[in-house]
Amino acid sequence: MIFSKPWSDEAHPIRMDELQNSFLLLSRTPAVLDAFLRGLPDAWLRQNEGENTMSCFDVVGHLIHGEKTNWMPRLRTILESGETKPLPAFDRWGHVRECEGRTMEELLDEFARLRRGNLDDLRLLHLRKEDLALCGHHPALGRITLGQLLATWTAHDLTHLHQLSRILAHSLRDDVGPFLNFLGVLQCNGHSSS
């Protein structure tokens, strides 16, 4: 896969105030998901936007998988090994098998528990400004900083919150009639493959 590089090769470490803001947002995501999704009809939660797209159920499963295998494991790899050991690969669809037969309520509860634990672990690391410039080797992107990883964790949450709105709105596409052109959520085709 070829990746374009719209960023500079010069690392731009996240500032400490940005890290605090990221922490605040990351800590709120489970409650936002819970308020948004808990109690909605299962059929609505399992619809998607078409072939090879995620449902709301998939998105929450994907976020759980990320809590287990992406953010903190990669952060620890950077802290412990720098660029000498590649960051663990991430399977975008790794959640599918482990979410079979589960309810949205179970997934929301698990995500909240995992996120709380990861943020507790992150807090205990007492990261300093200089830690944010530490580099690791991403399997597809090459050199990344710990600060970039933390900023991406936050932007990843926001991407999926946006995606959830889009997925839920998708079923209303044919019902809104002439209002379609005024509803941005129904005009958006997505921005991410993860």
Protein backbone atom coordinates (compact mmCIF):
# COMPACT_ATOMS: atom_id res chain seq x y z
CA MET A 1 0.00 0.00 0.00
CA ILE A 2 1.31 3.46 -0.86
CA PHE A 3 0.82 6.28 1.62
CA SER A 4 1.04 9.93 0.67
CA LYS A 5 2.90 12.14 3.14
CA PRO A 6 1.11 15.48 3.59
CA TRP A 7 3.18 16.05 6.74
CA SER A 8 6.75 17.17 7.18
CA ASP A 9 9.53 14.71 7.97
CA GLU A 10 10.42 17.00 10.86
CA ALA A 11 8.64 15.68 13.95
CA HIS A 12 6.08 18.03 15.44
CA PRO A 13 5.64 16.75 18.99
CA ILE A 14 2.31 17.22 20.69
CA ARG A 15 2.37 19.94 23.35
CA MET A 16 1.66 19.05 26.96
CA ASP A 17 -1.57 21.11 26.95
CA GLU A 18 -2.68 19.20 23.86
CA LEU A 19 -1.90 15.96 25.68
CA GLN A 20 -4.14 17.04 28.56
CA ASN A 21 -6.93 17.94 26.12
CA SER A 22 -6.53 14.57 24.41
CA PHE A 23 -6.76 12.83 27.77
CA LEU A 24 -9.98 14.71 28.56
CA LEU A 25 -11.55 13.74 25.25
CA LEU A 26 -10.39 10.11 25.42
CA SER A 27 -11.91 9.82 28.90
CA ARG A 28 -15.29 11.05 27.61
CA THR A 29 -15.64 8.78 24.58
CA PRO A 30 -17.14 5.80 26.48
CA ALA A 31 -19.92 7.99 27.95
CA VAL A 32 -20.62 9.56 24.56
CA LEU A 33 -20.91 6.11 22.95
CA ASP A 34 -23.10 4.88 25.78
CA ALA A 35 -25.48 7.84 25.55
CA PHE A 36 -25.60 7.62 21.78
CA LEU A 37 -25.99 3.87 21.26
CA ARG A 38 -27.30 2.07 24.36
CA GLY A 39 -30.89 0.96 23.92
CA LEU A 40 -31.15 1.56 20.17
CA PRO A 41 -32.75 -1.28 18.18
CA ASP A 42 -30.27 -4.01 17.28
CA ALA A 43 -31.24 -3.87 13.59
CA TRP A 44 -30.27 -0.19 13.47
CA LEU A 45 -26.98 -0.85 15.26
CA ARG A 46 -26.03 -3.63 12.83
CA GLN A 47 -26.81 -1.81 9.58
CA ASN A 48 -23.91 -0.38 7.61
CA GLU A 49 -23.37 1.98 4.70
CA GLY A 50 -22.76 -0.73 2.11
CA GLU A 51 -20.24 -3.39 1.19
CA ASN A 52 -17.01 -3.39 3.24
CA THR A 53 -18.27 -0.74 5.65
CA MET A 54 -18.76 -0.91 9.39
CA SER A 55 -21.95 -0.97 11.42
CA CYS A 56 -22.23 0.78 14.78
CA PHE A 57 -21.69 -2.64 16.35
CA ASP A 58 -18.47 -3.01 14.31
CA VAL A 59 -17.23 0.45 15.28
CA VAL A 60 -17.53 -0.27 19.00
CA GLY A 61 -15.89 -3.68 18.49
CA HIS A 62 -13.10 -1.99 16.52
CA LEU A 63 -12.57 0.52 19.33
CA ILE A 64 -12.37 -2.34 21.85
CA HIS A 65 -9.83 -4.14 19.66
CA GLY A 66 -7.80 -0.93 19.51
CA GLU A 67 -7.80 -0.61 23.28
CA LYS A 68 -6.45 -4.14 23.54
CA THR A 69 -3.93 -4.23 20.70
CA ASN A 70 -3.15 -0.75 19.40
CA TRP A 71 -2.73 2.36 21.52
CA MET A 72 -1.12 1.31 24.80
CA PRO A 73 0.82 -1.67 23.35
CA ARG A 74 2.33 0.63 20.73
CA LEU A 75 3.02 3.36 23.29
CA ARG A 76 4.79 0.85 25.54
CA THR A 77 6.83 -0.42 22.58
CA ILE A 78 8.04 3.12 21.86
CA LEU A 79 8.93 3.70 25.52
CA GLU A 80 10.70 0.36 25.92
CA SER A 81 12.32 -0.17 22.50
CA GLY A 82 12.19 3.05 20.52
CA GLU A 83 12.74 2.34 16.84
CA THR A 84 14.59 -0.94 17.43
CA LYS A 85 11.39 -2.99 17.57
CA PRO A 86 8.52 -2.41 15.11
CA LEU A 87 5.19 -1.41 16.61
CA PRO A 88 2.62 -4.21 16.73
CA ALA A 89 0.54 -4.47 13.54
CA PHE A 90 -3.15 -3.66 13.84
CA ASP A 91 -5.89 -5.74 12.22
CA ARG A 92 -8.69 -3.34 11.27
CA TRP A 93 -11.23 -6.20 11.28
CA GLY A 94 -9.73 -8.07 14.24
CA HIS A 95 -12.81 -7.39 16.31
CA VAL A 96 -15.22 -9.44 14.19
CA ARG A 97 -14.65 -12.88 15.67
CA GLU A 98 -14.39 -11.76 19.31
CA CYS A 99 -17.65 -9.75 19.07
CA GLU A 100 -19.80 -12.58 17.67
CA GLY A 101 -22.83 -13.34 19.81
CA ARG A 102 -22.43 -10.28 22.02
CA THR A 103 -24.81 -7.40 22.61
CA MET A 104 -24.11 -3.71 22.18
CA GLU A 105 -24.54 -3.27 25.93
CA GLU A 106 -21.79 -5.81 26.59
CA LEU A 107 -19.51 -4.07 24.11
CA LEU A 108 -20.16 -0.62 25.58
CA ASP A 109 -19.41 -1.91 29.07
CA GLU A 110 -16.20 -3.59 27.93
CA PHE A 111 -15.03 -0.52 26.03
CA ALA A 112 -15.62 1.71 29.08
CA ARG A 113 -13.66 -0.70 31.30
CA LEU A 114 -10.76 -1.04 28.87
CA ARG A 115 -10.52 2.69 28.18
CA ARG A 116 -10.59 3.51 31.90
CA GLY A 117 -7.77 1.01 32.48
CA ASN A 118 -5.69 2.32 29.57
CA LEU A 119 -6.05 5.92 30.72
CA ASP A 120 -5.13 4.92 34.28
CA ASP A 121 -2.02 3.21 32.87
CA LEU A 122 -1.24 6.27 30.73
CA ARG A 123 -1.55 8.56 33.75
CA LEU A 124 0.82 6.35 35.76
CA LEU A 125 3.52 6.75 33.10
CA HIS A 126 3.92 10.44 34.08
CA LEU A 127 4.93 11.34 30.53
CA ARG A 128 7.19 14.36 30.19
CA LYS A 129 7.51 16.71 27.25
CA GLU A 130 10.67 14.96 26.06
CA ASP A 131 8.88 11.58 26.06
CA LEU A 132 6.48 12.86 23.42
CA ALA A 133 9.35 13.21 20.93
CA LEU A 134 10.45 9.56 21.35
CA CYS A 135 10.20 7.65 18.08
CA GLY A 136 8.95 4.24 17.11
CA HIS A 137 8.70 2.36 13.84
CA HIS A 138 5.15 1.92 12.50
CA PRO A 139 4.85 -1.17 10.25
CA ALA A 140 3.27 0.82 7.37
CA LEU A 141 4.12 4.47 8.02
CA GLY A 142 7.70 4.23 9.23
CA ARG A 143 8.99 6.63 11.88
CA ILE A 144 6.37 8.14 14.22
CA THR A 145 6.63 9.91 17.55
CA LEU A 146 4.88 8.99 20.76
CA GLY A 147 3.17 12.40 20.60
CA GLN A 148 1.84 11.60 17.12
CA LEU A 149 0.52 8.29 18.39
CA LEU A 150 -1.33 9.99 21.25
CA ALA A 151 -2.77 12.67 18.95
CA THR A 152 -3.87 9.94 16.52
CA TRP A 153 -5.59 8.02 19.32
CA THR A 154 -7.72 11.11 19.98
CA ALA A 155 -8.41 11.86 16.31
CA HIS A 156 -9.30 8.18 15.82
CA ASP A 157 -12.01 8.48 18.47
CA LEU A 158 -13.37 11.60 16.77
CA THR A 159 -13.29 9.89 13.37
CA HIS A 160 -15.42 7.04 14.68
CA LEU A 161 -17.85 9.33 16.50
CA HIS A 162 -18.38 11.08 13.17
CA GLN A 163 -18.72 7.70 11.46
CA LEU A 164 -21.43 6.57 13.92
CA SER A 165 -23.56 9.59 13.02
CA ARG A 166 -23.13 8.81 9.34
CA ILE A 167 -24.06 5.13 9.78
CA LEU A 168 -27.22 5.90 11.74
CA ALA A 169 -28.26 8.62 9.28
CA HIS A 170 -27.72 6.30 6.32
CA SER A 171 -31.00 4.46 6.91
CA LEU A 172 -32.88 7.78 6.67
CA ARG A 173 -31.39 8.72 3.29
CA ASP A 174 -34.46 7.74 1.27
CA ASP A 175 -36.89 9.18 3.82
CA VAL A 176 -35.75 12.79 4.06
CA GLY A 177 -36.94 13.73 0.57
CA PRO A 178 -35.99 17.24 -0.54
CA PHE A 179 -34.06 17.90 2.67
CA LEU A 180 -31.27 15.56 1.51
CA ASN A 181 -29.15 18.38 0.08
CA PHE A 182 -29.20 20.24 3.42
CA LEU A 183 -28.03 17.33 5.59
CA GLY A 184 -24.24 17.13 5.61
CA VAL A 185 -24.23 13.80 7.43
CA LEU A 186 -25.96 12.28 4.39
CA GLN A 187 -23.53 13.90 1.93
CA CYS A 188 -20.38 12.59 3.58
CA ASN A 189 -18.85 9.42 2.16
CA GLY A 190 -16.36 8.95 4.94
CA HIS A 191 -12.76 9.89 5.33
CA SER A 192 -10.98 6.89 6.72
CA SER A 193 -10.37 3.25 6.07
CA SER A 194 -9.99 2.43 9.75
